[in-house]
Amino acid sequence: MLNNTPHITKSDLFEILSSRFDVEKKLSQIPNPSLLHNADKAAQRIAHAIRNNECITLVGDYDVDGVSSTAIMVDFFRQIPYPLEALIPNRFRDGYGVNPTVLQRVQADLVITVDNGIAAVAAADICKERGIDLIITDHHTPSENLPDAYAIVDPKLSECEYPFKEICGAEVAWLLLALLKRELSLQIDMRQFLDILAVAIIADIMPLVNINRTLVKEGLKYMAVSHRPSSVIIRDFLNKTNITSEDIAFQIAPRINSAGRLEDASIALDFFTAADTHSAYKQFELLGQLNELRKETEAQTTKEALASVQEEDRVIVVAGEHWHEGVVGIAASRLVDRFEKPAIVLSIKEDVAKGSARSIGNVSIYELIKENEHLLTKFGGHKMAAGLGLMREDVDAFREAVNRSAANISEEDFLPLESITGILQTDDIDLKLLELLESFEPYGEANLRPSFLLHEAEVVSIKLMGADKSHSRIEVRQYPHQNKTVELIAFRTVFEMPADRKISCSYSVTKNEFNGRVSPQLLVKKIYAHAAK
């Protein structure tokens, strides 16, 4: 593969990136929310509840998408103004989404879910018994058995005619609120929520094409000028003139996620809905501390999970006693990166195993799990990620069953979708290249930042960085006859000088801003041939 990589120029790169998209949509071209099945019915019911002073409870989810969806709803209802009880279940005490446990503390005429509920059959039955109307808004893949709710708004429903299906929970909620605004003749500018919406789309790894691309692009622009206290804090923290999707994905989303993973998602919700920057800053500081704890916990869990891997399996399934269930999803992602196979990591507590699955390439982990649902107590998700629960005694049988199912999948489907764009001359890595790359942002799922190859470049020097010396700064010379060297940054990698002083690796080019100076920064993605600790 490395030997077949083409040499490309900046002009070639422009052509390659241009070919990824049709004409970009404007905000005004976002399809009518009424095309979402049952969305008008749901908006009319919410409007009726507001006009008749009914008690409304919102049930969210503890990940970034769920918290963002909840925050947008809370902010919208504040502006009506109308009292809304917003509740995000605690991962450890309540479990996921709207469920019988959560409903024990709900007294309402109308319950609305965001980013959850498509599998909440038991909860829907309880609502029916208690005379509560349940409106489910979700984006996860429905099973054959749908909850008996007043209305279900989910683009993945077979009868839904919304033209773009790959939207996150916050987008579904935002589109529904646009209909509610119309229903109540409100003067609320829906663009004011684009900053939170962009965070949700990026964090939930939605494909950055079609309307997602438009919403993220406009949302990041809006974040740069928004007076929302949380956006002011994000801007100050990143300290950059242009906020990118990668800034959100790698620096902001993990912090917001850490609240629900380790403690309670209300901390993240309070950050998004803070009334002033002082309050937002206090919550953001707390999120930062939780994120550091999350990193330590995840590193230990990953280390233990690695020791349990059976490498001959096509799908990795590992389980551990009392692994922190808030980090098993990240541990699964680490195993996928390491072994280039789908991975399922389960935390066992007493007789119950709960966990997360992550996939690779074109393998649908959701379908693999669904095929073996007879061994599970619950499951849900989509092609690349899922959550599941089962009894301890069924873990081994499930591992064997899911691998039998995976035996029918072609080898090609397991190949990582990330591909190398080409070999760039290091002389081409300059400010003009940065401008070119910037013009095709936002990068993310379905619009990956281009990866370039350095093939057998000469390693001039290696310096270890960071408080714990766990990152490497590698100075390389692309060709022996060159005087010019470039620096590569390899995060979470201790790179040792190879015997032949050569390195082959893929890398991406990002903008580095320091003391008002802008320069290209080369970030190592994957090192080939030579071992790294």
Protein backbone atom coordinates (compact mmCIF):
# COMPACT_ATOMS: atom_id res chain seq x y z
CA MET A 1 0.00 0.00 0.00
CA LEU A 2 2.79 2.42 0.92
CA ASN A 3 4.63 1.82 -2.35
CA ASN A 4 1.52 2.63 -4.40
CA THR A 5 0.84 6.00 -2.78
CA PRO A 6 0.89 8.78 -5.40
CA HIS A 7 2.98 11.95 -5.17
CA ILE A 8 0.65 14.96 -5.16
CA THR A 9 0.95 18.74 -5.39
CA LYS A 10 -1.23 21.42 -3.79
CA SER A 11 -3.21 21.60 -7.06
CA ASP A 12 -3.86 17.86 -6.96
CA LEU A 13 -5.00 18.17 -3.36
CA PHE A 14 -7.45 20.95 -4.29
CA GLU A 15 -8.97 18.70 -6.97
CA ILE A 16 -9.23 15.73 -4.60
CA LEU A 17 -10.97 17.74 -1.88
CA SER A 18 -13.26 19.55 -4.34
CA SER A 19 -14.54 16.21 -5.64
CA ARG A 20 -15.90 15.25 -2.20
CA PHE A 21 -18.88 17.61 -2.33
CA ASP A 22 -21.72 18.77 -4.48
CA VAL A 23 -22.87 22.36 -4.11
CA GLU A 24 -22.93 23.24 -0.42
CA LYS A 25 -26.33 23.87 1.15
CA LYS A 26 -27.23 27.16 2.78
CA LEU A 27 -29.13 27.28 6.07
CA SER A 28 -32.21 28.36 4.11
CA GLN A 29 -32.01 25.08 2.15
CA ILE A 30 -32.34 22.80 5.18
CA PRO A 31 -35.33 20.54 4.42
CA ASN A 32 -38.66 21.37 6.04
CA PRO A 33 -38.88 19.81 9.56
CA SER A 34 -42.48 18.79 8.72
CA LEU A 35 -40.97 16.04 6.56
CA LEU A 36 -39.94 14.28 9.78
CA HIS A 37 -42.62 11.68 10.40
CA ASN A 38 -44.95 12.71 13.28
CA ALA A 39 -43.03 15.97 13.90
CA ASP A 40 -46.08 18.17 13.24
CA LYS A 41 -48.20 15.96 15.49
CA ALA A 42 -45.55 16.22 18.24
CA ALA A 43 -45.22 20.02 17.89
CA GLN A 44 -48.99 20.43 18.07
CA ARG A 45 -49.20 18.31 21.23
CA ILE A 46 -46.40 20.31 22.93
CA ALA A 47 -48.10 23.59 21.93
CA HIS A 48 -51.38 22.29 23.38
CA ALA A 49 -49.59 21.43 26.65
CA ILE A 50 -48.12 24.93 26.84
CA ARG A 51 -51.45 26.65 26.12
CA ASN A 52 -53.15 24.54 28.80
CA ASN A 53 -50.44 24.88 31.47
CA GLU A 54 -49.69 21.16 31.51
CA CYS A 55 -46.68 19.77 33.33
CA ILE A 56 -43.92 18.88 30.81
CA THR A 57 -40.87 16.74 31.64
CA LEU A 58 -37.92 16.32 29.29
CA VAL A 59 -35.75 13.19 29.50
CA GLY A 60 -32.31 13.47 27.89
CA ASP A 61 -29.18 11.33 27.66
CA TYR A 62 -25.80 11.60 29.36
CA ASP A 63 -23.54 11.81 26.27
CA VAL A 64 -22.66 15.06 24.44
CA ASP A 65 -25.52 14.71 21.96
CA GLY A 66 -28.03 14.06 24.73
CA VAL A 67 -26.77 16.92 26.91
CA SER A 68 -26.71 19.28 23.90
CA SER A 69 -30.27 18.28 22.92
CA THR A 70 -31.42 18.91 26.49
CA ALA A 71 -29.61 22.26 26.67
CA ILE A 72 -31.22 23.49 23.43
CA MET A 73 -34.66 22.48 24.72
CA VAL A 74 -34.08 24.12 28.12
CA ASP A 75 -32.89 27.36 26.52
CA PHE A 76 -35.83 27.43 24.08
CA PHE A 77 -38.42 26.91 26.86
CA ARG A 78 -36.76 29.63 28.97
CA GLN A 79 -37.35 32.04 26.11
CA ILE A 80 -41.06 31.23 25.69
CA PRO A 81 -41.02 31.40 28.82
CA TYR A 82 -42.50 28.13 30.10
CA PRO A 83 -41.46 25.86 32.99
CA LEU A 84 -39.81 22.64 31.78
CA GLU A 85 -38.50 19.95 34.08
CA ALA A 86 -35.35 18.65 32.40
CA LEU A 87 -33.99 15.36 33.62
CA ILE A 88 -30.88 13.53 32.42
CA PRO A 89 -30.71 10.00 33.85
CA ASN A 90 -27.62 9.10 35.84
CA ARG A 91 -25.69 6.33 34.10
CA PHE A 92 -25.04 4.47 37.36
CA ARG A 93 -28.27 4.96 39.32
CA ASP A 94 -30.86 5.17 36.54
CA GLY A 95 -29.44 3.48 33.46
CA TYR A 96 -30.02 4.76 29.95
CA GLY A 97 -32.77 7.07 28.71
CA VAL A 98 -36.43 7.10 29.63
CA ASN A 99 -37.01 3.89 31.59
CA PRO A 100 -39.17 2.54 34.45
CA THR A 101 -36.61 3.68 37.07
CA VAL A 102 -36.59 7.25 35.78
CA LEU A 103 -40.38 7.38 35.48
CA GLN A 104 -40.70 6.65 39.23
CA ARG A 105 -39.71 10.27 39.90
CA VAL A 106 -41.64 11.87 37.04
CA GLN A 107 -44.98 13.58 37.63
CA ALA A 108 -46.07 15.01 34.28
CA ASP A 109 -48.85 15.27 31.72
CA LEU A 110 -46.38 15.12 28.85
CA VAL A 111 -42.94 13.49 28.67
CA ILE A 112 -40.60 14.34 25.78
CA THR A 113 -37.36 12.45 25.12
CA VAL A 114 -34.32 13.73 23.26
CA ASP A 115 -31.59 11.46 21.84
CA ASN A 116 -33.24 8.37 23.37
CA GLY A 117 -36.47 6.41 23.60
CA ILE A 118 -36.66 4.44 20.35
CA ALA A 119 -36.24 1.20 22.35
CA ALA A 120 -38.20 2.33 25.45
CA VAL A 121 -41.08 -0.16 25.11
CA ALA A 122 -41.52 -0.72 28.89
CA ALA A 123 -41.40 3.02 29.65
CA ALA A 124 -44.00 3.75 26.96
CA ASP A 125 -46.36 1.16 28.51
CA ILE A 126 -45.94 2.76 31.96
CA CYS A 127 -46.71 6.20 30.49
CA LYS A 128 -49.84 4.77 28.86
CA GLU A 129 -51.01 3.24 32.16
CA ARG A 130 -50.45 6.52 33.99
CA GLY A 131 -52.19 8.65 31.35
CA ILE A 132 -48.95 10.43 30.35
CA ASP A 133 -48.48 11.33 26.69
CA LEU A 134 -44.99 10.29 25.56
CA ILE A 135 -43.25 12.01 22.64
CA ILE A 136 -40.04 10.25 21.60
CA THR A 137 -37.42 12.15 19.61
CA ASP A 138 -34.42 10.02 18.71
CA HIS A 139 -32.06 9.22 15.85
CA HIS A 140 -31.00 5.68 16.72
CA THR A 141 -31.98 2.69 14.60
CA PRO A 142 -35.44 1.35 15.54
CA SER A 143 -36.10 -2.36 16.02
CA GLU A 144 -39.27 -4.10 14.78
CA ASN A 145 -40.98 -3.59 18.15
CA LEU A 146 -41.63 0.15 18.58
CA PRO A 147 -42.76 1.79 21.84
CA ASP A 148 -46.49 2.59 22.02
CA ALA A 149 -45.96 6.36 22.29
CA TYR A 150 -48.13 9.37 21.41
CA ALA A 151 -45.58 10.26 18.69
CA ILE A 152 -42.16 9.01 17.61
CA VAL A 153 -39.94 11.40 15.68
CA ASP A 154 -36.90 9.56 14.32
CA PRO A 155 -35.45 9.96 10.80
CA LYS A 156 -34.54 6.24 10.79
CA LEU A 157 -38.21 5.16 10.89
CA SER A 158 -39.05 3.41 7.59
CA GLU A 159 -42.04 5.72 7.03
CA CYS A 160 -40.02 8.92 7.63
CA GLU A 161 -39.56 11.01 4.49
CA TYR A 162 -36.92 13.39 5.78
CA PRO A 163 -34.40 13.43 2.90
CA PHE A 164 -31.25 13.23 5.04
CA LYS A 165 -31.26 10.44 7.62
CA GLU A 166 -27.84 10.80 9.28
CA ILE A 167 -28.70 13.48 11.82
CA CYS A 168 -28.03 13.43 15.55
CA GLY A 169 -30.47 13.71 18.44
CA ALA A 170 -29.85 17.44 18.90
CA GLU A 171 -30.75 18.07 15.25
CA VAL A 172 -34.02 16.17 15.62
CA ALA A 173 -34.84 18.23 18.74
CA TRP A 174 -33.86 21.50 17.01
CA LEU A 175 -36.02 20.72 13.96
CA LEU A 176 -38.96 19.87 16.22
CA LEU A 177 -38.53 23.16 18.09
CA ALA A 178 -38.62 25.01 14.76
CA LEU A 179 -42.11 23.54 14.23
CA LEU A 180 -43.12 24.43 17.80
CA LYS A 181 -41.95 27.99 17.18
CA ARG A 182 -44.19 28.12 14.10
CA GLU A 183 -47.10 26.55 15.99
CA LEU A 184 -46.92 29.14 18.78
CA SER A 185 -45.98 32.09 16.47
CA LEU A 186 -42.86 32.80 18.56
CA GLN A 187 -40.11 35.28 17.69
CA ILE A 188 -37.19 33.00 18.58
CA ASP A 189 -34.19 32.96 16.21
CA MET A 190 -33.31 29.27 15.74
CA ARG A 191 -29.79 30.21 14.59
CA GLN A 192 -28.85 31.10 18.18
CA PHE A 193 -28.62 27.36 18.98
CA LEU A 194 -26.14 26.56 16.19
CA ASP A 195 -23.11 26.70 18.53
CA ILE A 196 -24.47 23.90 20.74
CA LEU A 197 -25.80 22.04 17.70
CA ALA A 198 -22.34 22.00 16.07
CA VAL A 199 -20.82 20.46 19.22
CA ALA A 200 -23.45 17.70 19.19
CA ILE A 201 -23.02 16.84 15.48
CA ILE A 202 -19.23 16.66 15.78
CA ALA A 203 -19.20 14.74 19.09
CA ASP A 204 -21.75 12.18 17.87
CA ILE A 205 -19.54 11.51 14.80
CA MET A 206 -22.23 12.36 12.27
CA PRO A 207 -21.05 12.44 8.63
CA LEU A 208 -20.03 16.02 7.84
CA VAL A 209 -21.86 16.15 4.53
CA ASN A 210 -25.18 17.60 3.40
CA ILE A 211 -26.97 19.60 6.14
CA ASN A 212 -24.54 18.42 8.84
CA ARG A 213 -21.72 20.18 7.02
CA THR A 214 -23.76 23.37 6.76
CA LEU A 215 -24.84 23.32 10.40
CA VAL A 216 -21.33 22.63 11.72
CA LYS A 217 -19.76 25.27 9.48
CA GLU A 218 -22.29 27.91 10.53
CA GLY A 219 -22.26 26.71 14.14
CA LEU A 220 -18.49 27.11 14.49
CA LYS A 221 -18.74 30.58 12.95
CA TYR A 222 -21.49 31.48 15.39
CA MET A 223 -19.48 30.09 18.32
CA ALA A 224 -16.79 32.66 17.53
CA VAL A 225 -19.21 35.55 18.19
CA SER A 226 -21.91 34.03 20.43
CA HIS A 227 -22.61 35.69 23.80
CA ARG A 228 -23.72 32.35 25.26
CA PRO A 229 -21.55 31.99 28.40
CA SER A 230 -20.51 28.41 27.51
CA SER A 231 -19.34 29.52 24.06
CA VAL A 232 -17.42 32.44 25.57
CA ILE A 233 -15.61 29.98 27.87
CA ILE A 234 -14.89 27.55 24.98
CA ARG A 235 -13.45 30.44 22.95
CA ASP A 236 -11.27 31.59 25.83
CA PHE A 237 -10.09 28.06 26.54
CA LEU A 238 -9.14 27.29 22.91
CA ASN A 239 -7.63 30.77 22.43
CA LYS A 240 -7.85 30.58 18.63
CA THR A 241 -9.16 32.91 15.97
CA ASN A 242 -10.81 30.02 14.08
CA ILE A 243 -12.37 27.15 16.00
CA THR A 244 -12.29 23.88 14.04
CA SER A 245 -14.35 20.71 14.28
CA GLU A 246 -11.21 18.95 15.54
CA ASP A 247 -10.87 21.43 18.40
CA ILE A 248 -14.38 20.46 19.45
CA ALA A 249 -13.84 16.72 18.87
CA PHE A 250 -10.56 16.43 20.78
CA GLN A 251 -10.67 19.19 23.39
CA ILE A 252 -14.27 20.10 24.16
CA ALA A 253 -16.39 16.97 23.57
CA PRO A 254 -14.33 14.72 25.91
CA ARG A 255 -14.74 17.28 28.73
CA ILE A 256 -18.51 17.47 28.25
CA ASN A 257 -18.73 13.67 28.00
CA SER A 258 -16.71 13.14 31.17
CA ALA A 259 -19.56 14.39 33.41
CA GLY A 260 -21.98 11.65 32.38
CA ARG A 261 -19.22 9.05 32.16
CA LEU A 262 -17.85 9.55 35.67
CA GLU A 263 -20.35 11.48 37.75
CA ASP A 264 -23.54 13.16 36.50
CA ALA A 265 -24.40 14.81 33.19
CA SER A 266 -26.14 17.68 35.01
CA ILE A 267 -22.66 19.24 35.40
CA ALA A 268 -22.36 19.48 31.59
CA LEU A 269 -25.97 20.66 31.25
CA ASP A 270 -25.31 23.41 33.80
CA PHE A 271 -22.27 24.46 31.72
CA PHE A 272 -24.30 24.78 28.51
CA THR A 273 -27.21 26.56 30.23
CA ALA A 274 -25.19 28.80 32.59
CA ALA A 275 -26.62 32.31 32.85
CA ASP A 276 -23.22 34.02 33.18
CA THR A 277 -19.57 33.34 32.37
CA HIS A 278 -18.62 32.97 36.05
CA SER A 279 -21.04 30.05 36.48
CA ALA A 280 -20.02 28.55 33.11
CA TYR A 281 -16.33 28.79 34.07
CA LYS A 282 -16.92 26.95 37.38
CA GLN A 283 -18.66 24.11 35.55
CA PHE A 284 -15.97 23.99 32.85
CA GLU A 285 -13.26 23.72 35.53
CA LEU A 286 -15.14 20.80 37.06
CA LEU A 287 -15.48 19.18 33.63
CA GLY A 288 -11.71 19.56 33.15
CA GLN A 289 -11.02 17.78 36.46
CA LEU A 290 -13.42 14.97 35.58
CA ASN A 291 -11.77 14.62 32.18
CA GLU A 292 -8.36 14.14 33.80
CA LEU A 293 -9.84 11.46 36.05
CA ARG A 294 -11.51 9.91 33.00
CA LYS A 295 -8.12 9.67 31.23
CA GLU A 296 -6.54 7.86 34.19
CA THR A 297 -9.49 5.48 34.59
CA GLU A 298 -9.64 4.78 30.86
CA ALA A 299 -5.89 4.09 30.64
CA GLN A 300 -6.11 1.50 33.44
CA THR A 301 -9.22 -0.14 31.94
CA THR A 302 -7.62 -0.28 28.48
CA LYS A 303 -4.48 -1.86 29.95
CA GLU A 304 -6.55 -4.59 31.63
CA ALA A 305 -8.73 -5.06 28.53
CA LEU A 306 -5.65 -5.53 26.32
CA ALA A 307 -4.52 -8.41 28.53
CA SER A 308 -7.87 -10.19 27.94
CA VAL A 309 -7.97 -9.93 24.13
CA GLN A 310 -8.14 -13.16 22.13
CA GLU A 311 -6.36 -11.97 19.00
CA GLU A 312 -7.64 -14.73 16.73
CA ASP A 313 -11.22 -13.40 17.08
CA ARG A 314 -12.66 -11.25 14.27
CA VAL A 315 -14.63 -9.26 16.84
CA ILE A 316 -12.93 -8.55 20.16
CA VAL A 317 -15.16 -9.18 23.19
CA VAL A 318 -13.60 -8.60 26.61
CA ALA A 319 -15.17 -8.34 30.06
CA GLY A 320 -13.80 -7.30 33.42
CA GLU A 321 -15.02 -7.16 37.00
CA HIS A 322 -15.98 -3.62 38.00
CA TRP A 323 -14.37 -1.89 35.04
CA HIS A 324 -15.76 1.62 35.13
CA GLU A 325 -18.78 1.49 32.82
CA GLY A 326 -18.31 5.18 32.01
CA VAL A 327 -15.08 4.51 30.10
CA VAL A 328 -15.70 1.13 28.43
CA GLY A 329 -16.70 2.90 25.18
CA ILE A 330 -13.36 4.70 25.02
CA ALA A 331 -11.52 1.48 25.88
CA ALA A 332 -13.37 -0.20 22.99
CA SER A 333 -12.19 2.58 20.64
CA ARG A 334 -8.60 2.04 21.79
CA LEU A 335 -8.86 -1.71 21.05
CA VAL A 336 -10.27 -0.95 17.58
CA ASP A 337 -7.29 1.34 16.89
CA ARG A 338 -4.82 -1.27 18.18
CA PHE A 339 -6.18 -4.40 16.47
CA GLU A 340 -8.14 -2.90 13.56
CA LYS A 341 -11.18 -5.02 14.48
CA PRO A 342 -14.56 -4.20 16.02
CA ALA A 343 -14.42 -4.32 19.82
CA ILE A 344 -16.95 -4.83 22.61
CA VAL A 345 -15.86 -4.01 26.17
CA LEU A 346 -18.10 -5.12 29.05
CA SER A 347 -18.08 -4.17 32.71
CA ILE A 348 -19.33 -6.92 35.04
CA LYS A 349 -21.02 -6.05 38.32
CA GLU A 350 -22.54 -8.91 40.28
CA ASP A 351 -24.45 -10.98 37.66
CA VAL A 352 -24.83 -8.28 35.01
CA ALA A 353 -22.50 -7.23 32.18
CA LYS A 354 -22.97 -3.81 30.58
CA GLY A 355 -20.82 -2.33 27.90
CA SER A 356 -20.12 -0.53 24.67
CA ALA A 357 -19.19 -1.59 21.16
CA ARG A 358 -17.19 0.27 18.51
CA SER A 359 -16.68 -0.75 14.90
CA ILE A 360 -14.32 -0.23 11.97
CA GLY A 361 -14.53 0.04 8.20
CA ASN A 362 -17.87 -1.08 6.81
CA VAL A 363 -18.74 -3.54 9.58
CA SER A 364 -22.10 -2.72 11.19
CA ILE A 365 -21.63 -3.56 14.85
CA TYR A 366 -25.34 -2.88 15.38
CA GLU A 367 -26.34 -5.64 12.94
CA LEU A 368 -23.81 -8.08 14.45
CA ILE A 369 -25.22 -7.48 17.92
CA LYS A 370 -28.84 -7.57 16.71
CA GLU A 371 -28.24 -10.98 15.12
CA ASN A 372 -27.46 -12.29 18.61
CA GLU A 373 -29.98 -10.32 20.65
CA HIS A 374 -31.40 -13.56 22.08
CA LEU A 375 -28.36 -13.55 24.40
CA LEU A 376 -28.89 -9.93 25.51
CA THR A 377 -31.11 -8.15 28.00
CA LYS A 378 -30.92 -4.88 26.04
CA PHE A 379 -29.06 -3.21 23.19
CA GLY A 380 -29.23 -0.16 20.94
CA GLY A 381 -27.11 2.03 18.72
CA HIS A 382 -26.08 2.39 15.10
CA LYS A 383 -23.58 1.07 12.56
CA MET A 384 -20.37 2.26 14.23
CA ALA A 385 -21.27 2.27 17.93
CA ALA A 386 -23.69 0.52 20.24
CA GLY A 387 -24.50 -0.16 23.88
CA LEU A 388 -25.59 -3.52 25.27
CA GLY A 389 -26.39 -5.48 28.40
CA LEU A 390 -26.41 -9.21 29.17
CA MET A 391 -26.07 -11.66 32.04
CA ARG A 392 -22.57 -12.62 33.20
CA GLU A 393 -23.23 -16.29 32.36
CA ASP A 394 -23.92 -15.40 28.69
CA VAL A 395 -20.73 -13.42 28.01
CA ASP A 396 -18.71 -16.35 26.61
CA ALA A 397 -21.64 -17.59 24.50
CA PHE A 398 -22.13 -14.08 23.15
CA ARG A 399 -18.45 -13.76 22.24
CA GLU A 400 -18.61 -17.02 20.29
CA ALA A 401 -21.93 -16.13 18.64
CA VAL A 402 -20.90 -12.66 17.53
CA ASN A 403 -17.71 -14.11 16.03
CA ARG A 404 -19.73 -16.76 14.17
CA SER A 405 -21.83 -13.93 12.72
CA ALA A 406 -18.70 -11.98 11.78
CA ALA A 407 -17.31 -14.99 9.89
CA ASN A 408 -19.72 -14.16 7.06
CA ILE A 409 -18.38 -10.62 6.61
CA SER A 410 -15.80 -10.05 3.88
CA GLU A 411 -12.21 -9.15 4.80
CA GLU A 412 -12.52 -5.87 2.88
CA ASP A 413 -15.26 -4.62 5.20
CA PHE A 414 -12.79 -4.79 8.10
CA LEU A 415 -10.32 -2.42 6.44
CA PRO A 416 -10.15 1.01 8.10
CA LEU A 417 -11.84 3.64 5.94
CA GLU A 418 -9.11 6.17 6.58
CA SER A 419 -6.97 6.32 3.47
CA ILE A 420 -3.77 8.18 2.65
CA THR A 421 -4.35 11.04 0.21
CA GLY A 422 -0.81 11.09 -1.16
CA ILE A 423 2.85 12.00 -0.66
CA LEU A 424 3.48 15.74 -0.33
CA GLN A 425 6.87 17.36 -0.79
CA THR A 426 7.81 18.86 2.57
CA ASP A 427 8.55 22.09 0.67
CA ASP A 428 4.81 22.25 -0.03
CA ILE A 429 3.96 22.31 3.69
CA ASP A 430 3.51 26.06 4.14
CA LEU A 431 0.91 28.72 4.95
CA LYS A 432 -0.68 28.33 1.50
CA LEU A 433 -1.27 24.65 2.24
CA LEU A 434 -2.93 25.66 5.53
CA GLU A 435 -5.22 28.08 3.64
CA LEU A 436 -6.12 25.34 1.15
CA LEU A 437 -6.90 22.83 3.91
CA GLU A 438 -8.89 25.43 5.86
CA SER A 439 -11.13 26.16 2.87
CA PHE A 440 -12.50 22.58 2.98
CA GLU A 441 -13.28 22.51 6.71
CA PRO A 442 -15.09 21.30 8.75
CA TYR A 443 -13.35 17.92 8.76
CA GLY A 444 -14.77 14.86 10.44
CA GLU A 445 -16.75 11.73 9.64
CA ALA A 446 -17.24 11.39 5.82
CA ASN A 447 -14.92 14.37 5.24
CA LEU A 448 -11.70 13.24 6.87
CA ARG A 449 -8.80 15.65 7.11
CA PRO A 450 -6.34 14.54 4.41
CA SER A 451 -3.60 12.16 5.51
CA PHE A 452 -0.18 12.29 3.90
CA LEU A 453 2.63 9.75 3.82
CA LEU A 454 6.27 10.10 4.76
CA HIS A 455 8.05 7.05 3.36
CA GLU A 456 11.37 6.04 4.89
CA ALA A 457 12.21 9.58 5.94
CA GLU A 458 15.46 10.08 7.87
CA VAL A 459 14.99 10.57 11.63
CA VAL A 460 17.28 13.44 12.67
CA SER A 461 16.32 13.67 16.35
CA ILE A 462 13.66 12.67 18.87
CA LYS A 463 12.56 14.68 21.91
CA LEU A 464 10.01 13.48 24.45
CA MET A 465 7.44 16.02 25.61
CA GLY A 466 4.79 16.45 28.26
CA ALA A 467 4.86 16.23 32.05
CA ASP A 468 5.12 12.44 31.87
CA LYS A 469 7.27 12.41 28.69
CA SER A 470 4.60 10.38 26.87
CA HIS A 471 4.58 12.38 23.59
CA SER A 472 7.30 12.51 20.91
CA ARG A 473 8.62 15.38 18.79
CA ILE A 474 10.37 13.75 15.83
CA GLU A 475 12.58 15.80 13.50
CA VAL A 476 12.82 14.22 10.03
CA ARG A 477 14.34 14.84 6.62
CA GLN A 478 12.16 13.60 3.75
CA TYR A 479 15.03 12.94 1.28
CA PRO A 480 18.79 12.53 1.93
CA HIS A 481 19.74 15.42 -0.39
CA GLN A 482 17.55 17.95 1.45
CA ASN A 483 18.77 20.42 4.03
CA LYS A 484 15.24 21.21 5.22
CA THR A 485 13.84 19.20 8.10
CA VAL A 486 10.29 19.09 9.47
CA GLU A 487 8.93 18.22 12.90
CA LEU A 488 6.31 15.57 13.55
CA ILE A 489 4.32 15.45 16.78
CA ALA A 490 3.30 11.95 17.92
CA PHE A 491 0.88 12.20 20.84
CA ARG A 492 0.60 9.29 23.32
CA THR A 493 3.64 7.67 21.67
CA VAL A 494 7.16 7.17 23.02
CA PHE A 495 9.09 6.78 19.77
CA GLU A 496 12.59 5.33 19.97
CA MET A 497 15.30 5.81 17.36
CA PRO A 498 14.96 2.95 14.81
CA ALA A 499 18.11 0.98 13.99
CA ASP A 500 18.08 2.27 10.39
CA ARG A 501 17.14 5.84 11.53
CA LYS A 502 14.13 5.76 9.17
CA ILE A 503 10.44 6.34 9.72
CA SER A 504 7.38 5.64 7.57
CA CYS A 505 4.20 7.22 8.87
CA SER A 506 0.96 8.91 7.94
CA TYR A 507 0.35 12.42 9.22
CA SER A 508 -2.10 15.29 8.99
CA VAL A 509 -1.33 19.00 8.75
CA THR A 510 -3.03 21.40 11.15
CA LYS A 511 -2.65 25.05 12.06
CA ASN A 512 -0.50 25.87 15.07
CA GLU A 513 -1.10 29.30 16.65
CA PHE A 514 1.39 30.42 19.28
CA ASN A 515 2.13 33.97 20.45
CA GLY A 516 0.30 35.35 17.43
CA ARG A 517 2.44 33.28 15.05
CA VAL A 518 0.79 30.81 12.68
CA SER A 519 2.65 27.76 11.37
CA PRO A 520 1.83 24.29 10.00
CA GLN A 521 1.92 21.46 12.54
CA LEU A 522 2.42 17.84 11.44
CA LEU A 523 0.54 15.33 13.60
CA VAL A 524 1.47 11.65 13.31
CA LYS A 525 -1.55 9.41 12.71
CA LYS A 526 0.05 5.99 12.27
CA ILE A 527 3.64 4.77 12.32
CA TYR A 528 4.40 1.89 9.96
CA ALA A 529 7.06 -0.81 10.15
CA HIS A 530 8.84 0.45 13.28
CA ALA A 531 7.64 -0.40 16.75
CA ALA A 532 6.53 2.31 19.14
CA LYS A 533 5.97 1.68 22.82
